[in-house]
PDB file of N, CA and C in Angstrom:
ATOM      1  N   UNK A   1     102.100  86.047 121.004  1.00  0.00           N
ATOM      2  CA  UNK A   1     101.357  87.237 121.715  1.00  0.00           C
ATOM      3  C   UNK A   1     101.547  88.147 121.072  1.00  0.00           C
ATOM      4  N   UNK A   2     100.465  89.412 120.653  1.00  0.00           N
ATOM      5  CA  UNK A   2     100.470  90.321 119.992  1.00  0.00           C
ATOM      6  C   UNK A   2     101.173  91.506 120.343  1.00  0.00           C
ATOM      7  N   UNK A   3     102.161  91.810 119.821  1.00  0.00           N
ATOM      8  CA  UNK A   3     103.007  93.064 120.521  1.00  0.00           C
ATOM      9  C   UNK A   3     102.841  94.226 119.563  1.00  0.00           C
ATOM     10  N   UNK A   4     101.949  94.278 118.704  1.00  0.00           N
ATOM     11  CA  UNK A   4     101.679  95.376 117.840  1.00  0.00           C
ATOM     12  C   UNK A   4     100.675  96.514 118.533  1.00  0.00           C
ATOM     13  N   UNK A   5     101.417  97.840 118.523  1.00  0.00           N
ATOM     14  CA  UNK A   5     100.948  99.005 118.839  1.00  0.00           C
ATOM     15  C   UNK A   5     100.894 100.196 118.026  1.00  0.00           C
ATOM     16  N   UNK A   6      99.650 100.948 118.121  1.00  0.00           N
ATOM     17  CA  UNK A   6      99.340 102.007 117.035  1.00  0.00           C
ATOM     18  C   UNK A   6      99.241 103.057 117.647  1.00  0.00           C
ATOM     19  N   UNK A   7     100.101 104.199 117.504  1.00  0.00           N
ATOM     20  CA  UNK A   7     100.055 105.364 117.981  1.00  0.00           C
ATOM     21  C   UNK A   7     100.009 106.339 117.015  1.00  0.00           C
ATOM     22  N   UNK A   8      98.735 107.507 117.489  1.00  0.00           N
ATOM     23  CA  UNK A   8      98.012 108.216 116.633  1.00  0.00           C
ATOM     24  C   UNK A   8      98.273 109.772 117.225  1.00  0.00           C
ATOM     25  N   UNK A   9      99.006 110.666 116.699  1.00  0.00           N
ATOM     26  CA  UNK A   9      99.274 111.910 117.094  1.00  0.00           C
ATOM     27  C   UNK A   9      99.513 112.975 116.013  1.00  0.00           C
ATOM     28  N   UNK A  10      98.831 114.094 116.057  1.00  0.00           N
ATOM     29  CA  UNK A  10      99.228 115.087 114.870  1.00  0.00           C
ATOM     30  C   UNK A  10     100.557 115.803 115.020  1.00  0.00           C
ATOM     31  N   UNK A  11     101.395 115.747 116.400  1.00  0.00           N
ATOM     32  CA  UNK A  11     102.438 116.328 116.698  1.00  0.00           C
ATOM     33  C   UNK A  11     103.439 115.469 116.340  1.00  0.00           C
ATOM     34  N   UNK A  12     104.377 115.512 115.252  1.00  0.00           N
ATOM     35  CA  UNK A  12     105.490 114.735 114.933  1.00  0.00           C
ATOM     36  C   UNK A  12     106.466 114.495 115.760  1.00  0.00           C
ATOM     37  N   UNK A  13     106.510 115.354 116.868  1.00  0.00           N
ATOM     38  CA  UNK A  13     107.677 115.227 117.865  1.00  0.00           C
ATOM     39  C   UNK A  13     107.330 114.112 119.084  1.00  0.00           C
ATOM     40  N   UNK A  14     105.931 114.088 119.032  1.00  0.00           N
ATOM     41  CA  UNK A  14     105.405 112.992 119.979  1.00  0.00           C
ATOM     42  C   UNK A  14     105.654 111.774 119.314  1.00  0.00           C
ATOM     43  N   UNK A  15     104.990 111.678 118.056  1.00  0.00           N
ATOM     44  CA  UNK A  15     105.232 110.276 117.221  1.00  0.00           C
ATOM     45  C   UNK A  15     106.982 109.697 117.416  1.00  0.00           C
ATOM     46  N   UNK A  16     107.857 110.561 117.221  1.00  0.00           N
ATOM     47  CA  UNK A  16     109.303 110.456 117.131  1.00  0.00           C
ATOM     48  C   UNK A  16     109.342 109.769 118.511  1.00  0.00           C
ATOM     49  N   UNK A  17     109.274 110.539 119.345  1.00  0.00           N
ATOM     50  CA  UNK A  17     109.377 110.196 120.841  1.00  0.00           C
ATOM     51  C   UNK A  17     108.877 108.801 121.136  1.00  0.00           C
ATOM     52  N   UNK A  18     107.749 108.399 120.653  1.00  0.00           N
ATOM     53  CA  UNK A  18     106.917 107.092 121.030  1.00  0.00           C
ATOM     54  C   UNK A  18     107.837 106.270 120.296  1.00  0.00           C
ATOM     55  N   UNK A  19     108.311 106.646 118.928  1.00  0.00           N
ATOM     56  CA  UNK A  19     109.156 105.546 118.165  1.00  0.00           C
ATOM     57  C   UNK A  19     110.408 105.063 118.889  1.00  0.00           C
ATOM     58  N   UNK A  20     110.862 106.309 119.257  1.00  0.00           N
ATOM     59  CA  UNK A  20     112.195 106.325 120.063  1.00  0.00           C
ATOM     60  C   UNK A  20     112.220 105.290 121.257  1.00  0.00           C
ATOM     61  N   UNK A  21     111.175 105.367 122.011  1.00  0.00           N
ATOM     62  CA  UNK A  21     110.903 104.415 123.106  1.00  0.00           C
ATOM     63  C   UNK A  21     110.406 103.280 123.187  1.00  0.00           C
ATOM     64  N   UNK A  22     109.182 103.441 122.055  1.00  0.00           N
ATOM     65  CA  UNK A  22     108.465 101.728 122.084  1.00  0.00           C
ATOM     66  C   UNK A  22     108.993 101.003 121.022  1.00  0.00           C
ATOM     67  N   UNK A  23     109.760 101.321 119.772  1.00  0.00           N
ATOM     68  CA  UNK A  23     110.059 100.548 118.883  1.00  0.00           C
ATOM     69  C   UNK A  23     110.966  99.246 119.240  1.00  0.00           C
ATOM     70  N   UNK A  24     111.810  99.602 120.277  1.00  0.00           N
ATOM     71  CA  UNK A  24     112.697  98.492 120.819  1.00  0.00           C
ATOM     72  C   UNK A  24     112.002  97.310 121.318  1.00  0.00           C
ATOM     73  N   UNK A  25     110.887  97.199 121.801  1.00  0.00           N
ATOM     74  CA  UNK A  25     110.260  96.272 122.551  1.00  0.00           C
ATOM     75  C   UNK A  25     108.954  95.990 121.661  1.00  0.00           C
ATOM     76  N   UNK A  26     108.363  96.747 121.145  1.00  0.00           N
ATOM     77  CA  UNK A  26     107.181  96.690 120.188  1.00  0.00           C
ATOM     78  C   UNK A  26     107.026  96.747 118.855  1.00  0.00           C
ATOM     79  N   UNK A  27     106.310  95.986 118.278  1.00  0.00           N
ATOM     80  CA  UNK A  27     105.816  96.217 116.693  1.00  0.00           C
ATOM     81  C   UNK A  27     105.273  97.563 116.383  1.00  0.00           C
ATOM     82  N   UNK A  28     105.877  98.696 116.396  1.00  0.00           N
ATOM     83  CA  UNK A  28     105.101  99.792 116.315  1.00  0.00           C
ATOM     84  C   UNK A  28     104.758 100.496 114.832  1.00  0.00           C
ATOM     85  N   UNK A  29     103.543 100.963 114.781  1.00  0.00           N
ATOM     86  CA  UNK A  29     103.052 101.418 113.804  1.00  0.00           C
ATOM     87  C   UNK A  29     102.500 103.078 114.270  1.00  0.00           C
ATOM     88  N   UNK A  30     102.802 104.416 113.619  1.00  0.00           N
ATOM     89  CA  UNK A  30     102.455 105.309 114.147  1.00  0.00           C
ATOM     90  C   UNK A  30     101.591 106.149 112.738  1.00  0.00           C
ATOM     91  N   UNK A  31     100.876 107.171 112.983  1.00  0.00           N
ATOM     92  CA  UNK A  31     100.066 107.964 112.300  1.00  0.00           C
ATOM     93  C   UNK A  31      99.974 109.394 112.890  1.00  0.00           C
ATOM     94  N   UNK A  32      99.863 110.165 111.708  1.00  0.00           N
ATOM     95  CA  UNK A  32      99.777 111.711 112.157  1.00  0.00           C
ATOM     96  C   UNK A  32      98.412 112.108 111.840  1.00  0.00           C
ATOM     97  N   UNK A  33      97.404 111.326 111.887  1.00  0.00           N
ATOM     98  CA  UNK A  33      95.888 112.007 111.920  1.00  0.00           C
ATOM     99  C   UNK A  33      94.809 110.591 112.474  1.00  0.00           C
ATOM    100  N   UNK A  34      93.846 111.091 112.707  1.00  0.00           N
ATOM    101  CA  UNK A  34      92.787 110.040 112.732  1.00  0.00           C
ATOM    102  C   UNK A  34      92.448 108.966 111.906  1.00  0.00           C
ATOM    103  N   UNK A  35      92.358 109.799 110.499  1.00  0.00           N
ATOM    104  CA  UNK A  35      92.101 109.080 109.279  1.00  0.00           C
ATOM    105  C   UNK A  35      93.277 108.327 109.027  1.00  0.00           C
ATOM    106  N   UNK A  36      94.361 108.683 109.155  1.00  0.00           N
ATOM    107  CA  UNK A  36      95.529 107.938 108.939  1.00  0.00           C
ATOM    108  C   UNK A  36      95.666 106.456 109.817  1.00  0.00           C
ATOM    109  N   UNK A  37      95.332 106.761 111.091  1.00  0.00           N
ATOM    110  CA  UNK A  37      95.395 105.821 112.187  1.00  0.00           C
ATOM    111  C   UNK A  37      94.450 104.870 111.712  1.00  0.00           C
ATOM    112  N   UNK A  38      93.154 105.130 111.510  1.00  0.00           N
ATOM    113  CA  UNK A  38      92.029 104.150 110.899  1.00  0.00           C
ATOM    114  C   UNK A  38      92.623 103.281 109.743  1.00  0.00           C
ATOM    115  N   UNK A  39      93.077 103.974 108.693  1.00  0.00           N
ATOM    116  CA  UNK A  39      93.668 103.122 107.635  1.00  0.00           C
ATOM    117  C   UNK A  39      94.385 101.995 108.056  1.00  0.00           C
ATOM    118  N   UNK A  40      95.675 102.391 108.972  1.00  0.00           N
ATOM    119  CA  UNK A  40      96.539 101.500 109.638  1.00  0.00           C
ATOM    120  C   UNK A  40      95.830 100.558 110.231  1.00  0.00           C
ATOM    121  N   UNK A  41      94.860 100.761 111.099  1.00  0.00           N
ATOM    122  CA  UNK A  41      94.125  99.768 111.957  1.00  0.00           C
ATOM    123  C   UNK A  41      93.539  98.726 111.003  1.00  0.00           C
ATOM    124  N   UNK A  42      93.019  99.161 109.846  1.00  0.00           N
ATOM    125  CA  UNK A  42      92.180  98.355 109.100  1.00  0.00           C
ATOM    126  C   UNK A  42      93.035  97.300 108.156  1.00  0.00           C
ATOM    127  N   UNK A  43      94.498  98.177 107.648  1.00  0.00           N
ATOM    128  CA  UNK A  43      95.316  97.375 106.928  1.00  0.00           C
ATOM    129  C   UNK A  43      96.313  96.549 107.582  1.00  0.00           C
ATOM    130  N   UNK A  44      96.486  96.793 108.851  1.00  0.00           N
ATOM    131  CA  UNK A  44      98.011  96.254 109.611  1.00  0.00           C
ATOM    132  C   UNK A  44      97.482  95.690 110.902  1.00  0.00           C
ATOM    133  N   UNK A  45      96.018  95.663 111.381  1.00  0.00           N
ATOM    134  CA  UNK A  45      95.883  95.183 112.521  1.00  0.00           C
ATOM    135  C   UNK A  45      95.726  93.801 112.578  1.00  0.00           C
ATOM    136  N   UNK A  46      95.518  93.242 113.508  1.00  0.00           N
ATOM    137  CA  UNK A  46      94.867  93.617 114.894  1.00  0.00           C
ATOM    138  C   UNK A  46      95.920  94.319 115.829  1.00  0.00           C
ATOM    139  N   UNK A  47      95.819  95.082 116.634  1.00  0.00           N
ATOM    140  CA  UNK A  47      96.788  95.762 117.237  1.00  0.00           C
ATOM    141  C   UNK A  47      96.055  95.135 118.858  1.00  0.00           C
ATOM    142  N   UNK A  48      97.492  95.204 119.732  1.00  0.00           N
ATOM    143  CA  UNK A  48      97.073  94.641 121.112  1.00  0.00           C
ATOM    144  C   UNK A  48      96.805  96.232 121.904  1.00  0.00           C
ATOM    145  N   UNK A  49      97.461  97.300 121.585  1.00  0.00           N
ATOM    146  CA  UNK A  49      97.119  98.532 121.878  1.00  0.00           C
ATOM    147  C   UNK A  49      97.026  99.736 121.094  1.00  0.00           C
ATOM    148  N   UNK A  50      96.004 100.520 121.103  1.00  0.00           N
ATOM    149  CA  UNK A  50      95.793 101.824 120.377  1.00  0.00           C
ATOM    150  C   UNK A  50      95.982 103.091 121.246  1.00  0.00           C
ATOM    151  N   UNK A  51      96.860 103.992 120.902  1.00  0.00           N
ATOM    152  CA  UNK A  51      97.033 105.033 121.667  1.00  0.00           C
ATOM    153  C   UNK A  51      96.865 106.284 120.755  1.00  0.00           C
ATOM    154  N   UNK A  52      96.005 107.055 121.082  1.00  0.00           N
ATOM    155  CA  UNK A  52      95.454 108.495 120.540  1.00  0.00           C
ATOM    156  C   UNK A  52      95.518 109.421 121.088  1.00  0.00           C
ATOM    157  N   UNK A  53      95.847 110.723 120.739  1.00  0.00           N
ATOM    158  CA  UNK A  53      95.647 111.854 120.879  1.00  0.00           C
ATOM    159  C   UNK A  53      94.162 112.493 120.871  1.00  0.00           C
ATOM    160  N   UNK A  54      93.970 112.910 121.961  1.00  0.00           N
ATOM    161  CA  UNK A  54      92.200 113.322 122.087  1.00  0.00           C
ATOM    162  C   UNK A  54      91.836 114.633 121.244  1.00  0.00           C
ATOM    163  N   UNK A  55      92.820 115.288 120.958  1.00  0.00           N
ATOM    164  CA  UNK A  55      92.610 116.609 120.473  1.00  0.00           C
ATOM    165  C   UNK A  55      93.476 116.823 119.130  1.00  0.00           C
ATOM    166  N   UNK A  56      92.870 116.450 118.007  1.00  0.00           N
ATOM    167  CA  UNK A  56      93.616 116.225 116.743  1.00  0.00           C
ATOM    168  C   UNK A  56      92.845 116.916 115.472  1.00  0.00           C
ATOM    169  N   UNK A  57      93.236 117.923 114.837  1.00  0.00           N
ATOM    170  CA  UNK A  57      92.519 118.319 113.453  1.00  0.00           C
ATOM    171  C   UNK A  57      91.743 117.303 112.730  1.00  0.00           C
ATOM    172  N   UNK A  58      90.471 117.606 112.291  1.00  0.00           N
ATOM    173  CA  UNK A  58      89.668 116.387 111.438  1.00  0.00           C
ATOM    174  C   UNK A  58      89.208 115.497 112.355  1.00  0.00           C
ATOM    175  N   UNK A  59      89.738 114.787 113.110  1.00  0.00           N
ATOM    176  CA  UNK A  59      88.910 113.725 113.484  1.00  0.00           C
ATOM    177  C   UNK A  59      89.640 113.602 115.011  1.00  0.00           C
ATOM    178  N   UNK A  60      88.685 113.749 116.222  1.00  0.00           N
ATOM    179  CA  UNK A  60      89.075 113.758 117.521  1.00  0.00           C
ATOM    180  C   UNK A  60      89.437 112.278 117.823  1.00  0.00           C
ATOM    181  N   UNK A  61      90.435 112.369 118.913  1.00  0.00           N
ATOM    182  CA  UNK A  61      90.965 110.866 119.349  1.00  0.00           C
ATOM    183  C   UNK A  61      89.628 109.951 119.652  1.00  0.00           C
ATOM    184  N   UNK A  62      88.927 110.502 120.433  1.00  0.00           N
ATOM    185  CA  UNK A  62      87.664 109.772 120.985  1.00  0.00           C
ATOM    186  C   UNK A  62      86.925 108.848 119.697  1.00  0.00           C
ATOM    187  N   UNK A  63      86.727 109.923 118.720  1.00  0.00           N
ATOM    188  CA  UNK A  63      86.023 109.544 117.535  1.00  0.00           C
ATOM    189  C   UNK A  63      86.770 108.456 116.719  1.00  0.00           C
ATOM    190  N   UNK A  64      88.158 108.549 116.954  1.00  0.00           N
ATOM    191  CA  UNK A  64      88.821 107.461 116.092  1.00  0.00           C
ATOM    192  C   UNK A  64      88.687 106.295 116.869  1.00  0.00           C
ATOM    193  N   UNK A  65      88.597 106.401 118.415  1.00  0.00           N
ATOM    194  CA  UNK A  65      88.677 104.944 119.128  1.00  0.00           C
ATOM    195  C   UNK A  65      87.314 104.536 119.056  1.00  0.00           C
ATOM    196  N   UNK A  66      86.248 105.137 118.807  1.00  0.00           N
ATOM    197  CA  UNK A  66      84.790 104.582 118.544  1.00  0.00           C
ATOM    198  C   UNK A  66      85.215 103.667 117.250  1.00  0.00           C
ATOM    199  N   UNK A  67      85.861 104.271 116.468  1.00  0.00           N
ATOM    200  CA  UNK A  67      85.744 103.294 115.161  1.00  0.00           C
ATOM    201  C   UNK A  67      86.846 102.143 115.319  1.00  0.00           C
ATOM    202  N   UNK A  68      87.557 102.225 116.192  1.00  0.00           N
ATOM    203  CA  UNK A  68      88.502 100.914 115.945  1.00  0.00           C
ATOM    204  C   UNK A  68      87.599 100.238 117.212  1.00  0.00           C
ATOM    205  N   UNK A  69      86.825 100.553 118.049  1.00  0.00           N
ATOM    206  CA  UNK A  69      86.080  99.523 118.774  1.00  0.00           C
ATOM    207  C   UNK A  69      84.981  99.140 117.770  1.00  0.00           C
ATOM    208  N   UNK A  70      84.269  99.627 116.966  1.00  0.00           N
ATOM    209  CA  UNK A  70      83.170  99.114 116.150  1.00  0.00           C
ATOM    210  C   UNK A  70      84.247  98.394 114.995  1.00  0.00           C
ATOM    211  N   UNK A  71      85.044  98.330 114.781  1.00  0.00           N
ATOM    212  CA  UNK A  71      86.003  97.446 113.654  1.00  0.00           C
ATOM    213  C   UNK A  71      86.111  95.960 114.221  1.00  0.00           C
ATOM    214  N   UNK A  72      86.434  96.153 115.487  1.00  0.00           N
ATOM    215  CA  UNK A  72      87.024  94.974 116.375  1.00  0.00           C
ATOM    216  C   UNK A  72      85.809  93.864 116.572  1.00  0.00           C
ATOM    217  N   UNK A  73      84.629  94.704 116.623  1.00  0.00           N
ATOM    218  CA  UNK A  73      83.252  93.893 116.955  1.00  0.00           C
ATOM    219  C   UNK A  73      82.578  93.400 115.576  1.00  0.00           C
ATOM    220  N   UNK A  74      83.221  93.745 114.680  1.00  0.00           N
ATOM    221  CA  UNK A  74      82.606  92.822 113.264  1.00  0.00           C
ATOM    222  C   UNK A  74      82.852  91.310 113.188  1.00  0.00           C
TER     223      UNK A  74
END
């Protein structure tokens, strides 16, 4: 069973909280931007779950999710 979770948020305190609560039960990866999240997605995927902040500088969460979906369809 795939227990890999990717959390993407530009707020470091959110990422720390996610790590604190999720890393005990899941293989958690975190990224502080959409670009970094996509890089992790490509290099360390597949992920069972991808969680992303909708409003981030540089790349909005919805755009990041669109690219993760495109990547999984290849």
